[in-house]
Amino acid sequence: MEGYMTISEVSREFQISTRMLRHYEKLGLIESVRRENYAYRTYGPEAVKRVRQIIILRKLQIPLKKIQKMMEGTREDAVSILEERLRDMDESVEAVQTMRRALTRVLELLRETEGDPAEVLDDPEAAALVQLLPVERHKLKEEKPMSISKEMIEKGSCVRILLLPPATVAAYQYIGENPEDHLEEMVRFIRESGLYEKKPDSRYFGFNHPDPEEGSKVYGYEVWVTIPEDMEVPEPLVKRHFPGGLYAAYTINFPDFFEWQFLYQWAERNEQYEPAMSDPAEKNMGGALEEHLNWVYAAHMGLQGRGIDGKLDLLLPIKPREREK
């Protein structure tokens, strides 16, 4: 086994989740192997080297699809992708500098005025500076590899409002490192109980419980599947009642969980609804849910990756916003 590492060892070595490593493997960026007389799939030296390369490119904010093209394509493909990234950076820097000049001048005009501050925005000089900002072309981004663009924030039509009905659920919780990778009990229950045949509209939800704490790799993940009210569940699963509620729903591609930030910002800015998070002491993601679409059917059919198209719904609890009297 010299030179080979388990998925947990690679996760710790590069500070990347096992869920992301499995996603890399699903995309064909890396390969794992099953070693003789060894219980777990492992990554060889070439796969570990590839992970290191991928992480470097992700830190340079290269999207995974383009990384895949670089890995599978020619030298010219790689050069073209990196040149495009440099152009994007130059445009972003230019947009930031232009905005800084505009803000500085608007501030100067505001300090000089003695009348209505809003009239500064009608000043021809300020208006001319602002017109220099190419808003639609330059989407200013955060420093994170996958950030939230202005276009996403403004595109409220992509968020749906769902009223989830009350339901009986079978719940399973695992606490440890990378708990999302330890859901075999739920898969076994779905298959052995014939759940999908008894309830074809069964839905699957997951959430952190307890939430991760800073500096600790151990946390919990709890999963629910909706079941018939009279259905019994075997240990270690437990039967629970989900009260339902009002949620803002936003569909993502796995593993774009960074978009939780967008959904919360959407609710913060929305004129009709606002976040309705649970007590932080409950350590359950504030009552938010992740619904893996088609997951129950995929588990029932034994489909690889427990999914079909890799899409999830992020579900944020909301409530009608109180109107000022």
C-alpha atoms as a PDB file:
ATOM      1  CA  MET A   1       0.000   0.000   0.000  1.00  0.00           C
ATOM      2  CA  GLU A   2       3.043   2.269  -0.074  1.00  0.00           C
ATOM      3  CA  GLY A   3       2.281   5.408  -2.016  1.00  0.00           C
ATOM      4  CA  TYR A   4      -1.488   4.845  -1.836  1.00  0.00           C
ATOM      5  CA  MET A   5      -3.829   6.985   0.271  1.00  0.00           C
ATOM      6  CA  THR A   6      -7.432   6.526   1.405  1.00  0.00           C
ATOM      7  CA  ILE A   7     -10.016   9.186   0.606  1.00  0.00           C
ATOM      8  CA  SER A   8      -9.901  10.384   4.235  1.00  0.00           C
ATOM      9  CA  GLU A   9      -6.113  10.703   4.097  1.00  0.00           C
ATOM     10  CA  VAL A  10      -6.288  12.722   0.868  1.00  0.00           C
ATOM     11  CA  SER A  11      -9.030  14.876   2.399  1.00  0.00           C
ATOM     12  CA  ARG A  12      -6.860  15.691   5.415  1.00  0.00           C
ATOM     13  CA  GLU A  13      -3.702  16.172   3.345  1.00  0.00           C
ATOM     14  CA  PHE A  14      -5.244  18.796   1.056  1.00  0.00           C
ATOM     15  CA  GLN A  15      -7.945  20.187   3.362  1.00  0.00           C
ATOM     16  CA  ILE A  16     -10.700  19.282   0.888  1.00  0.00           C
ATOM     17  CA  SER A  17     -13.944  17.447   1.622  1.00  0.00           C
ATOM     18  CA  THR A  18     -14.404  13.819   0.646  1.00  0.00           C
ATOM     19  CA  ARG A  19     -17.623  14.876  -1.073  1.00  0.00           C
ATOM     20  CA  MET A  20     -15.606  17.131  -3.386  1.00  0.00           C
ATOM     21  CA  LEU A  21     -13.085  14.357  -4.051  1.00  0.00           C
ATOM     22  CA  ARG A  22     -15.913  12.032  -5.071  1.00  0.00           C
ATOM     23  CA  HIS A  23     -17.193  14.771  -7.359  1.00  0.00           C
ATOM     24  CA  TYR A  24     -13.756  15.054  -8.993  1.00  0.00           C
ATOM     25  CA  GLU A  25     -13.836  11.307  -9.525  1.00  0.00           C
ATOM     26  CA  LYS A  26     -17.345  11.440 -10.990  1.00  0.00           C
ATOM     27  CA  LEU A  27     -16.138  14.051 -13.497  1.00  0.00           C
ATOM     28  CA  GLY A  28     -13.249  11.780 -14.464  1.00  0.00           C
ATOM     29  CA  LEU A  29     -10.580  14.140 -13.142  1.00  0.00           C
ATOM     30  CA  ILE A  30      -9.126  11.506 -10.805  1.00  0.00           C
ATOM     31  CA  GLU A  31      -9.425   7.736 -10.407  1.00  0.00           C
ATOM     32  CA  SER A  32      -9.480   5.529  -7.325  1.00  0.00           C
ATOM     33  CA  VAL A  33      -8.551   1.847  -7.203  1.00  0.00           C
ATOM     34  CA  ARG A  34      -9.571  -1.115  -5.070  1.00  0.00           C
ATOM     35  CA  ARG A  35      -6.454  -2.781  -3.679  1.00  0.00           C
ATOM     36  CA  GLU A  36      -6.403  -6.518  -2.975  1.00  0.00           C
ATOM     37  CA  ASN A  37      -7.258  -7.436   0.635  1.00  0.00           C
ATOM     38  CA  TYR A  38      -8.090  -3.821   1.418  1.00  0.00           C
ATOM     39  CA  ALA A  39     -11.553  -2.670   2.418  1.00  0.00           C
ATOM     40  CA  TYR A  40     -11.422   0.821   0.968  1.00  0.00           C
ATOM     41  CA  ARG A  41     -10.827   2.348  -2.430  1.00  0.00           C
ATOM     42  CA  THR A  42      -7.550   4.223  -2.533  1.00  0.00           C
ATOM     43  CA  TYR A  43      -5.783   6.856  -4.589  1.00  0.00           C
ATOM     44  CA  GLY A  44      -2.410   6.110  -6.137  1.00  0.00           C
ATOM     45  CA  PRO A  45       0.508   8.538  -6.559  1.00  0.00           C
ATOM     46  CA  GLU A  46      -0.751   9.804  -9.946  1.00  0.00           C
ATOM     47  CA  ALA A  47      -4.251  10.501  -8.583  1.00  0.00           C
ATOM     48  CA  VAL A  48      -2.808  12.323  -5.553  1.00  0.00           C
ATOM     49  CA  LYS A  49      -0.605  14.372  -7.877  1.00  0.00           C
ATOM     50  CA  ARG A  50      -3.677  15.224  -9.969  1.00  0.00           C
ATOM     51  CA  VAL A  51      -5.567  16.381  -6.860  1.00  0.00           C
ATOM     52  CA  ARG A  52      -2.698  18.743  -6.032  1.00  0.00           C
ATOM     53  CA  GLN A  53      -2.820  20.134  -9.575  1.00  0.00           C
ATOM     54  CA  ILE A  54      -6.588  20.622  -9.446  1.00  0.00           C
ATOM     55  CA  ILE A  55      -6.371  22.510  -6.153  1.00  0.00           C
ATOM     56  CA  ILE A  56      -3.733  24.856  -7.579  1.00  0.00           C
ATOM     57  CA  LEU A  57      -5.961  25.622 -10.575  1.00  0.00           C
ATOM     58  CA  ARG A  58      -9.034  26.107  -8.353  1.00  0.00           C
ATOM     59  CA  LYS A  59      -7.067  28.636  -6.276  1.00  0.00           C
ATOM     60  CA  LEU A  60      -6.432  30.450  -9.549  1.00  0.00           C
ATOM     61  CA  GLN A  61     -10.241  30.499  -9.927  1.00  0.00           C
ATOM     62  CA  ILE A  62     -10.339  28.179 -12.931  1.00  0.00           C
ATOM     63  CA  PRO A  63     -13.778  26.482 -13.201  1.00  0.00           C
ATOM     64  CA  LEU A  64     -13.868  22.690 -12.976  1.00  0.00           C
ATOM     65  CA  LYS A  65     -15.157  22.299 -16.534  1.00  0.00           C
ATOM     66  CA  LYS A  66     -12.179  24.231 -17.832  1.00  0.00           C
ATOM     67  CA  ILE A  67      -9.800  22.288 -15.577  1.00  0.00           C
ATOM     68  CA  GLN A  68     -11.185  19.127 -17.125  1.00  0.00           C
ATOM     69  CA  LYS A  69     -10.537  20.566 -20.589  1.00  0.00           C
ATOM     70  CA  MET A  70      -6.984  21.456 -19.563  1.00  0.00           C
ATOM     71  CA  MET A  71      -6.355  17.966 -18.213  1.00  0.00           C
ATOM     72  CA  GLU A  72      -7.760  16.214 -21.275  1.00  0.00           C
ATOM     73  CA  GLY A  73      -6.790  18.730 -23.971  1.00  0.00           C
ATOM     74  CA  THR A  74      -3.672  20.055 -25.590  1.00  0.00           C
ATOM     75  CA  ARG A  75      -1.062  22.541 -24.458  1.00  0.00           C
ATOM     76  CA  GLU A  76      -2.811  25.136 -26.630  1.00  0.00           C
ATOM     77  CA  ASP A  77      -6.090  24.506 -24.749  1.00  0.00           C
ATOM     78  CA  ALA A  78      -4.365  25.143 -21.413  1.00  0.00           C
ATOM     79  CA  VAL A  79      -2.707  28.326 -22.700  1.00  0.00           C
ATOM     80  CA  SER A  80      -6.026  29.621 -24.033  1.00  0.00           C
ATOM     81  CA  ILE A  81      -7.829  28.984 -20.733  1.00  0.00           C
ATOM     82  CA  LEU A  82      -5.155  30.706 -18.643  1.00  0.00           C
ATOM     83  CA  GLU A  83      -5.028  33.658 -21.029  1.00  0.00           C
ATOM     84  CA  GLU A  84      -8.798  34.014 -20.714  1.00  0.00           C
ATOM     85  CA  ARG A  85      -8.490  33.986 -16.921  1.00  0.00           C
ATOM     86  CA  LEU A  86      -5.878  36.761 -17.090  1.00  0.00           C
ATOM     87  CA  ARG A  87      -8.183  38.856 -19.289  1.00  0.00           C
ATOM     88  CA  ASP A  88     -11.022  38.390 -16.787  1.00  0.00           C
ATOM     89  CA  MET A  89      -8.743  39.520 -13.961  1.00  0.00           C
ATOM     90  CA  ASP A  90      -7.605  42.590 -15.909  1.00  0.00           C
ATOM     91  CA  GLU A  91     -11.224  43.534 -16.592  1.00  0.00           C
ATOM     92  CA  SER A  92     -12.144  43.094 -12.942  1.00  0.00           C
ATOM     93  CA  VAL A  93      -9.215  45.248 -11.788  1.00  0.00           C
ATOM     94  CA  GLU A  94     -10.153  47.931 -14.316  1.00  0.00           C
ATOM     95  CA  ALA A  95     -13.773  47.889 -13.121  1.00  0.00           C
ATOM     96  CA  VAL A  96     -12.700  48.238  -9.471  1.00  0.00           C
ATOM     97  CA  GLN A  97     -10.379  51.154 -10.277  1.00  0.00           C
ATOM     98  CA  THR A  98     -13.087  52.917 -12.275  1.00  0.00           C
ATOM     99  CA  MET A  99     -15.590  52.443  -9.465  1.00  0.00           C
ATOM    100  CA  ARG A 100     -13.095  53.819  -6.969  1.00  0.00           C
ATOM    101  CA  ARG A 101     -12.612  56.966  -9.054  1.00  0.00           C
ATOM    102  CA  ALA A 102     -16.374  57.395  -9.386  1.00  0.00           C
ATOM    103  CA  LEU A 103     -16.983  56.902  -5.664  1.00  0.00           C
ATOM    104  CA  THR A 104     -14.195  59.327  -4.775  1.00  0.00           C
ATOM    105  CA  ARG A 105     -15.643  62.042  -7.010  1.00  0.00           C
ATOM    106  CA  VAL A 106     -19.227  61.507  -5.792  1.00  0.00           C
ATOM    107  CA  LEU A 107     -17.935  61.767  -2.205  1.00  0.00           C
ATOM    108  CA  GLU A 108     -16.128  65.028  -3.043  1.00  0.00           C
ATOM    109  CA  LEU A 109     -19.288  66.480  -4.578  1.00  0.00           C
ATOM    110  CA  LEU A 110     -21.328  65.374  -1.591  1.00  0.00           C
ATOM    111  CA  ARG A 111     -18.962  67.129   0.813  1.00  0.00           C
ATOM    112  CA  GLU A 112     -19.156  70.317  -1.276  1.00  0.00           C
ATOM    113  CA  THR A 113     -22.953  70.490  -1.482  1.00  0.00           C
ATOM    114  CA  GLU A 114     -25.134  72.294   1.017  1.00  0.00           C
ATOM    115  CA  GLY A 115     -28.442  71.204  -0.438  1.00  0.00           C
ATOM    116  CA  ASP A 116     -30.188  67.885  -0.923  1.00  0.00           C
ATOM    117  CA  PRO A 117     -27.526  65.122  -0.942  1.00  0.00           C
ATOM    118  CA  ALA A 118     -29.521  63.184  -3.537  1.00  0.00           C
ATOM    119  CA  GLU A 119     -28.982  66.010  -6.035  1.00  0.00           C
ATOM    120  CA  VAL A 120     -25.319  64.980  -6.244  1.00  0.00           C
ATOM    121  CA  LEU A 121     -26.439  62.024  -8.323  1.00  0.00           C
ATOM    122  CA  ASP A 122     -27.817  64.466 -10.910  1.00  0.00           C
ATOM    123  CA  ASP A 123     -24.464  66.211 -11.271  1.00  0.00           C
ATOM    124  CA  PRO A 124     -23.248  65.783 -14.895  1.00  0.00           C
ATOM    125  CA  GLU A 125     -19.672  65.001 -13.779  1.00  0.00           C
ATOM    126  CA  ALA A 126     -20.796  62.272 -11.367  1.00  0.00           C
ATOM    127  CA  ALA A 127     -23.181  60.810 -13.928  1.00  0.00           C
ATOM    128  CA  ALA A 128     -20.420  60.721 -16.556  1.00  0.00           C
ATOM    129  CA  LEU A 129     -18.095  58.832 -14.199  1.00  0.00           C
ATOM    130  CA  VAL A 130     -20.758  56.294 -13.303  1.00  0.00           C
ATOM    131  CA  GLN A 131     -21.484  55.711 -16.985  1.00  0.00           C
ATOM    132  CA  LEU A 132     -17.910  54.423 -17.299  1.00  0.00           C
ATOM    133  CA  LEU A 133     -18.812  51.391 -15.175  1.00  0.00           C
ATOM    134  CA  PRO A 134     -19.581  48.440 -17.487  1.00  0.00           C
ATOM    135  CA  VAL A 135     -21.951  46.755 -15.029  1.00  0.00           C
ATOM    136  CA  GLU A 136     -23.211  44.021 -17.301  1.00  0.00           C
ATOM    137  CA  ARG A 137     -19.771  42.998 -18.532  1.00  0.00           C
ATOM    138  CA  HIS A 138     -17.765  43.204 -15.326  1.00  0.00           C
ATOM    139  CA  LYS A 139     -19.251  41.184 -12.522  1.00  0.00           C
ATOM    140  CA  LEU A 140     -17.170  42.039  -9.485  1.00  0.00           C
ATOM    141  CA  LYS A 141     -16.408  38.874  -7.547  1.00  0.00           C
ATOM    142  CA  GLU A 142     -15.192  37.921  -4.126  1.00  0.00           C
ATOM    143  CA  GLU A 143     -11.825  36.258  -3.721  1.00  0.00           C
ATOM    144  CA  LYS A 144     -13.387  32.837  -3.184  1.00  0.00           C
ATOM    145  CA  PRO A 145     -12.946  30.396  -6.106  1.00  0.00           C
ATOM    146  CA  MET A 146     -16.669  30.380  -6.795  1.00  0.00           C
ATOM    147  CA  SER A 147     -18.251  33.659  -5.804  1.00  0.00           C
ATOM    148  CA  ILE A 148     -21.666  35.228  -6.078  1.00  0.00           C
ATOM    149  CA  SER A 149     -22.101  37.552  -9.018  1.00  0.00           C
ATOM    150  CA  LYS A 150     -24.272  40.642  -9.151  1.00  0.00           C
ATOM    151  CA  GLU A 151     -26.326  38.953 -11.846  1.00  0.00           C
ATOM    152  CA  MET A 152     -27.222  36.088  -9.486  1.00  0.00           C
ATOM    153  CA  ILE A 153     -28.261  38.482  -6.725  1.00  0.00           C
ATOM    154  CA  GLU A 154     -30.527  40.434  -9.037  1.00  0.00           C
ATOM    155  CA  LYS A 155     -32.060  37.424 -10.717  1.00  0.00           C
ATOM    156  CA  GLY A 156     -34.786  36.835  -8.160  1.00  0.00           C
ATOM    157  CA  SER A 157     -36.863  34.848 -10.624  1.00  0.00           C
ATOM    158  CA  CYS A 158     -34.616  31.832 -10.077  1.00  0.00           C
ATOM    159  CA  VAL A 159     -35.887  31.500  -6.491  1.00  0.00           C
ATOM    160  CA  ARG A 160     -39.154  29.631  -5.912  1.00  0.00           C
ATOM    161  CA  ILE A 161     -41.427  29.823  -2.885  1.00  0.00           C
ATOM    162  CA  LEU A 162     -42.426  26.404  -1.531  1.00  0.00           C
ATOM    163  CA  LEU A 163     -44.903  25.481   1.161  1.00  0.00           C
ATOM    164  CA  LEU A 164     -43.722  22.045   2.306  1.00  0.00           C
ATOM    165  CA  PRO A 165     -46.561  20.031   3.875  1.00  0.00           C
ATOM    166  CA  PRO A 166     -46.213  18.177   7.197  1.00  0.00           C
ATOM    167  CA  ALA A 167     -44.783  14.692   6.782  1.00  0.00           C
ATOM    168  CA  THR A 168     -43.648  11.593   8.615  1.00  0.00           C
ATOM    169  CA  VAL A 169     -39.944  10.938   8.059  1.00  0.00           C
ATOM    170  CA  ALA A 170     -37.364   8.262   8.733  1.00  0.00           C
ATOM    171  CA  ALA A 171     -34.303  10.051  10.127  1.00  0.00           C
ATOM    172  CA  TYR A 172     -30.669   8.990  10.322  1.00  0.00           C
ATOM    173  CA  GLN A 173     -27.800  10.963  11.845  1.00  0.00           C
ATOM    174  CA  TYR A 174     -24.049  10.382  11.638  1.00  0.00           C
ATOM    175  CA  ILE A 175     -21.459  12.335  13.626  1.00  0.00           C
ATOM    176  CA  GLY A 176     -17.787  12.229  12.660  1.00  0.00           C
ATOM    177  CA  GLU A 177     -15.434  13.408   9.937  1.00  0.00           C
ATOM    178  CA  ASN A 178     -17.120  13.869   6.551  1.00  0.00           C
ATOM    179  CA  PRO A 179     -20.489  12.584   7.817  1.00  0.00           C
ATOM    180  CA  GLU A 180     -22.166  13.066   4.403  1.00  0.00           C
ATOM    181  CA  ASP A 181     -20.176  10.048   3.193  1.00  0.00           C
ATOM    182  CA  HIS A 182     -21.704   7.712   5.782  1.00  0.00           C
ATOM    183  CA  LEU A 183     -25.315   7.333   4.665  1.00  0.00           C
ATOM    184  CA  GLU A 184     -25.290   3.618   3.862  1.00  0.00           C
ATOM    185  CA  GLU A 185     -27.937   2.930   6.517  1.00  0.00           C
ATOM    186  CA  MET A 186     -30.429   5.133   4.714  1.00  0.00           C
ATOM    187  CA  VAL A 187     -29.667   3.536   1.344  1.00  0.00           C
ATOM    188  CA  ARG A 188     -30.155   0.100   2.880  1.00  0.00           C
ATOM    189  CA  PHE A 189     -33.474   1.127   4.421  1.00  0.00           C
ATOM    190  CA  ILE A 190     -34.808   2.470   1.115  1.00  0.00           C
ATOM    191  CA  ARG A 191     -33.914  -0.709  -0.730  1.00  0.00           C
ATOM    192  CA  GLU A 192     -34.927  -3.274   1.882  1.00  0.00           C
ATOM    193  CA  SER A 193     -38.205  -1.572   2.776  1.00  0.00           C
ATOM    194  CA  GLY A 194     -39.227  -1.063  -0.853  1.00  0.00           C
ATOM    195  CA  LEU A 195     -39.929   2.542   0.099  1.00  0.00           C
ATOM    196  CA  TYR A 196     -40.023   3.872  -3.453  1.00  0.00           C
ATOM    197  CA  GLU A 197     -42.608   1.248  -4.460  1.00  0.00           C
ATOM    198  CA  LYS A 198     -44.780   2.109  -1.441  1.00  0.00           C
ATOM    199  CA  LYS A 199     -44.298   5.887  -1.728  1.00  0.00           C
ATOM    200  CA  PRO A 200     -43.062   6.941  -5.186  1.00  0.00           C
ATOM    201  CA  ASP A 201     -43.277  10.617  -4.173  1.00  0.00           C
ATOM    202  CA  SER A 202     -40.897  10.120  -1.245  1.00  0.00           C
ATOM    203  CA  ARG A 203     -38.468  13.013  -0.783  1.00  0.00           C
ATOM    204  CA  TYR A 204     -34.990  13.180   0.735  1.00  0.00           C
ATOM    205  CA  PHE A 205     -33.620  16.043   2.852  1.00  0.00           C
ATOM    206  CA  GLY A 206     -30.283  16.561   4.565  1.00  0.00           C
ATOM    207  CA  PHE A 207     -28.744  19.150   6.898  1.00  0.00           C
ATOM    208  CA  ASN A 208     -25.823  19.644   9.281  1.00  0.00           C
ATOM    209  CA  HIS A 209     -26.666  18.509  12.801  1.00  0.00           C
ATOM    210  CA  PRO A 210     -24.770  19.482  14.839  1.00  0.00           C
ATOM    211  CA  ASP A 211     -23.179  22.250  12.785  1.00  0.00           C
ATOM    212  CA  PRO A 212     -19.382  22.236  12.290  1.00  0.00           C
ATOM    213  CA  GLU A 213     -17.417  24.176  14.881  1.00  0.00           C
ATOM    214  CA  GLU A 214     -14.376  26.213  13.969  1.00  0.00           C
ATOM    215  CA  GLY A 215     -11.186  24.201  14.249  1.00  0.00           C
ATOM    216  CA  SER A 216     -12.968  20.824  14.433  1.00  0.00           C
ATOM    217  CA  LYS A 217     -13.357  18.323  11.612  1.00  0.00           C
ATOM    218  CA  VAL A 218     -16.062  16.425  13.482  1.00  0.00           C
ATOM    219  CA  TYR A 219     -19.675  17.436  12.955  1.00  0.00           C
ATOM    220  CA  GLY A 220     -23.001  15.799  12.209  1.00  0.00           C
ATOM    221  CA  TYR A 221     -25.194  15.310   9.166  1.00  0.00           C
ATOM    222  CA  GLU A 222     -28.810  14.193   9.434  1.00  0.00           C
ATOM    223  CA  VAL A 223     -30.906  12.871   6.571  1.00  0.00           C
ATOM    224  CA  TRP A 224     -34.663  12.395   6.279  1.00  0.00           C
ATOM    225  CA  VAL A 225     -36.826  10.487   3.823  1.00  0.00           C
ATOM    226  CA  THR A 226     -40.588  10.942   3.859  1.00  0.00           C
ATOM    227  CA  ILE A 227     -42.430   7.681   4.557  1.00  0.00           C
ATOM    228  CA  PRO A 228     -46.032   6.460   4.938  1.00  0.00           C
ATOM    229  CA  GLU A 229     -47.389   7.403   8.356  1.00  0.00           C
ATOM    230  CA  ASP A 230     -47.894   3.766   9.406  1.00  0.00           C
ATOM    231  CA  MET A 231     -44.486   2.556   8.237  1.00  0.00           C
ATOM    232  CA  GLU A 232     -42.083   1.191  10.862  1.00  0.00           C
ATOM    233  CA  VAL A 233     -38.372   2.008  10.702  1.00  0.00           C
ATOM    234  CA  PRO A 234     -35.504  -0.143  11.983  1.00  0.00           C
ATOM    235  CA  GLU A 235     -32.733   1.067  14.279  1.00  0.00           C
ATOM    236  CA  PRO A 236     -30.539   3.084  14.025  1.00  0.00           C
ATOM    237  CA  LEU A 237     -33.138   5.082  12.055  1.00  0.00           C
ATOM    238  CA  VAL A 238     -35.840   6.862  14.029  1.00  0.00           C
ATOM    239  CA  LYS A 239     -39.332   7.959  13.075  1.00  0.00           C
ATOM    240  CA  ARG A 240     -40.058  11.684  13.301  1.00  0.00           C
ATOM    241  CA  HIS A 241     -42.662  14.272  12.390  1.00  0.00           C
ATOM    242  CA  PHE A 242     -41.686  17.108  10.065  1.00  0.00           C
ATOM    243  CA  PRO A 243     -44.041  20.066  10.611  1.00  0.00           C
ATOM    244  CA  GLY A 244     -43.460  21.490   7.139  1.00  0.00           C
ATOM    245  CA  GLY A 245     -43.243  25.208   6.512  1.00  0.00           C
ATOM    246  CA  LEU A 246     -42.502  27.992   4.075  1.00  0.00           C
ATOM    247  CA  TYR A 247     -39.177  27.883   2.209  1.00  0.00           C
ATOM    248  CA  ALA A 248     -37.285  29.760  -0.471  1.00  0.00           C
ATOM    249  CA  ALA A 249     -35.926  27.179  -2.914  1.00  0.00           C
ATOM    250  CA  TYR A 250     -32.963  27.561  -5.242  1.00  0.00           C
ATOM    251  CA  THR A 251     -31.620  24.767  -7.461  1.00  0.00           C
ATOM    252  CA  ILE A 252     -27.867  24.200  -7.691  1.00  0.00           C
ATOM    253  CA  ASN A 253     -25.536  21.753  -9.352  1.00  0.00           C
ATOM    254  CA  PHE A 254     -23.560  19.590  -6.953  1.00  0.00           C
ATOM    255  CA  PRO A 255     -21.323  20.678  -5.257  1.00  0.00           C
ATOM    256  CA  ASP A 256     -22.048  24.430  -5.525  1.00  0.00           C
ATOM    257  CA  PHE A 257     -22.963  24.814  -1.846  1.00  0.00           C
ATOM    258  CA  PHE A 258     -21.334  28.249  -1.815  1.00  0.00           C
ATOM    259  CA  GLU A 259     -24.646  29.472  -3.256  1.00  0.00           C
ATOM    260  CA  TRP A 260     -26.237  29.173   0.175  1.00  0.00           C
ATOM    261  CA  GLN A 261     -24.839  32.678   0.645  1.00  0.00           C
ATOM    262  CA  PHE A 262     -26.740  33.932  -2.403  1.00  0.00           C
ATOM    263  CA  LEU A 263     -30.043  32.449  -1.207  1.00  0.00           C
ATOM    264  CA  TYR A 264     -29.691  34.007   2.234  1.00  0.00           C
ATOM    265  CA  GLN A 265     -28.819  37.387   0.686  1.00  0.00           C
ATOM    266  CA  TRP A 266     -31.859  37.087  -1.577  1.00  0.00           C
ATOM    267  CA  ALA A 267     -34.090  36.603   1.476  1.00  0.00           C
ATOM    268  CA  GLU A 268     -32.420  39.484   3.299  1.00  0.00           C
ATOM    269  CA  ARG A 269     -33.143  41.803   0.367  1.00  0.00           C
ATOM    270  CA  ASN A 270     -36.594  40.512  -0.546  1.00  0.00           C
ATOM    271  CA  GLU A 271     -39.459  42.937   0.052  1.00  0.00           C
ATOM    272  CA  GLN A 272     -42.082  40.238   0.687  1.00  0.00           C
ATOM    273  CA  TYR A 273     -40.190  37.587   2.694  1.00  0.00           C
ATOM    274  CA  GLU A 274     -37.372  37.413   5.221  1.00  0.00           C
ATOM    275  CA  PRO A 275     -35.280  34.556   6.711  1.00  0.00           C
ATOM    276  CA  ALA A 276     -36.928  32.585   9.510  1.00  0.00           C
ATOM    277  CA  MET A 277     -33.941  30.714  10.913  1.00  0.00           C
ATOM    278  CA  SER A 278     -34.220  28.506  13.972  1.00  0.00           C
ATOM    279  CA  ASP A 279     -32.420  29.131  17.272  1.00  0.00           C
ATOM    280  CA  PRO A 280     -28.608  28.847  16.753  1.00  0.00           C
ATOM    281  CA  ALA A 281     -28.494  26.700  19.883  1.00  0.00           C
ATOM    282  CA  GLU A 282     -30.170  23.916  17.891  1.00  0.00           C
ATOM    283  CA  LYS A 283     -27.039  23.703  15.665  1.00  0.00           C
ATOM    284  CA  ASN A 284     -29.043  22.497  12.675  1.00  0.00           C
ATOM    285  CA  MET A 285     -28.159  24.957   9.888  1.00  0.00           C
ATOM    286  CA  GLY A 286     -30.830  27.315  11.158  1.00  0.00           C
ATOM    287  CA  GLY A 287     -33.543  24.948   9.966  1.00  0.00           C
ATOM    288  CA  ALA A 288     -32.348  25.070   6.345  1.00  0.00           C
ATOM    289  CA  LEU A 289     -32.542  21.894   4.263  1.00  0.00           C
ATOM    290  CA  GLU A 290     -30.779  20.387   1.259  1.00  0.00           C
ATOM    291  CA  GLU A 291     -33.057  18.292  -0.956  1.00  0.00           C
ATOM    292  CA  HIS A 292     -31.196  15.929  -3.266  1.00  0.00           C
ATOM    293  CA  LEU A 293     -33.568  15.664  -6.217  1.00  0.00           C
ATOM    294  CA  ASN A 294     -34.451  12.137  -7.401  1.00  0.00           C
ATOM    295  CA  TRP A 295     -32.238  10.692  -4.654  1.00  0.00           C
ATOM    296  CA  VAL A 296     -34.791   8.183  -3.324  1.00  0.00           C
ATOM    297  CA  TYR A 297     -35.406   6.753  -6.789  1.00  0.00           C
ATOM    298  CA  ALA A 298     -31.663   6.620  -7.468  1.00  0.00           C
ATOM    299  CA  ALA A 299     -30.999   4.780  -4.195  1.00  0.00           C
ATOM    300  CA  HIS A 300     -33.877   2.383  -4.941  1.00  0.00           C
ATOM    301  CA  MET A 301     -32.415   1.612  -8.377  1.00  0.00           C
ATOM    302  CA  GLY A 302     -28.828   1.404  -7.135  1.00  0.00           C
ATOM    303  CA  LEU A 303     -27.707   4.147  -9.507  1.00  0.00           C
ATOM    304  CA  GLN A 304     -24.065   5.175  -9.218  1.00  0.00           C
ATOM    305  CA  GLY A 305     -23.494   8.294  -7.165  1.00  0.00           C
ATOM    306  CA  ARG A 306     -27.019   8.057  -5.707  1.00  0.00           C
ATOM    307  CA  GLY A 307     -28.194  10.668  -8.145  1.00  0.00           C
ATOM    308  CA  ILE A 308     -29.376  11.284 -11.674  1.00  0.00           C
ATOM    309  CA  ASP A 309     -28.419  14.766 -12.771  1.00  0.00           C
ATOM    310  CA  GLY A 310     -26.517  15.986  -9.713  1.00  0.00           C
ATOM    311  CA  LYS A 311     -29.004  18.725  -8.849  1.00  0.00           C
ATOM    312  CA  LEU A 312     -30.126  19.812  -5.390  1.00  0.00           C
ATOM    313  CA  ASP A 313     -32.587  22.290  -3.970  1.00  0.00           C
ATOM    314  CA  LEU A 314     -31.334  24.589  -1.245  1.00  0.00           C
ATOM    315  CA  LEU A 315     -34.314  25.283   1.038  1.00  0.00           C
ATOM    316  CA  LEU A 316     -34.160  28.331   3.294  1.00  0.00           C
ATOM    317  CA  PRO A 317     -36.921  28.814   5.905  1.00  0.00           C
ATOM    318  CA  ILE A 318     -38.700  32.139   5.390  1.00  0.00           C
ATOM    319  CA  LYS A 319     -41.694  34.067   6.672  1.00  0.00           C
ATOM    320  CA  PRO A 320     -43.714  37.023   5.374  1.00  0.00           C
ATOM    321  CA  ARG A 321     -41.897  40.249   6.087  1.00  0.00           C
ATOM    322  CA  GLU A 322     -43.606  42.487   8.609  1.00  0.00           C
ATOM    323  CA  ARG A 323     -44.743  45.733   7.101  1.00  0.00           C
ATOM    324  CA  GLU A 324     -43.785  48.966   8.811  1.00  0.00           C
ATOM    325  CA  LYS A 325     -46.823  50.760  10.215  1.00  0.00           C
END
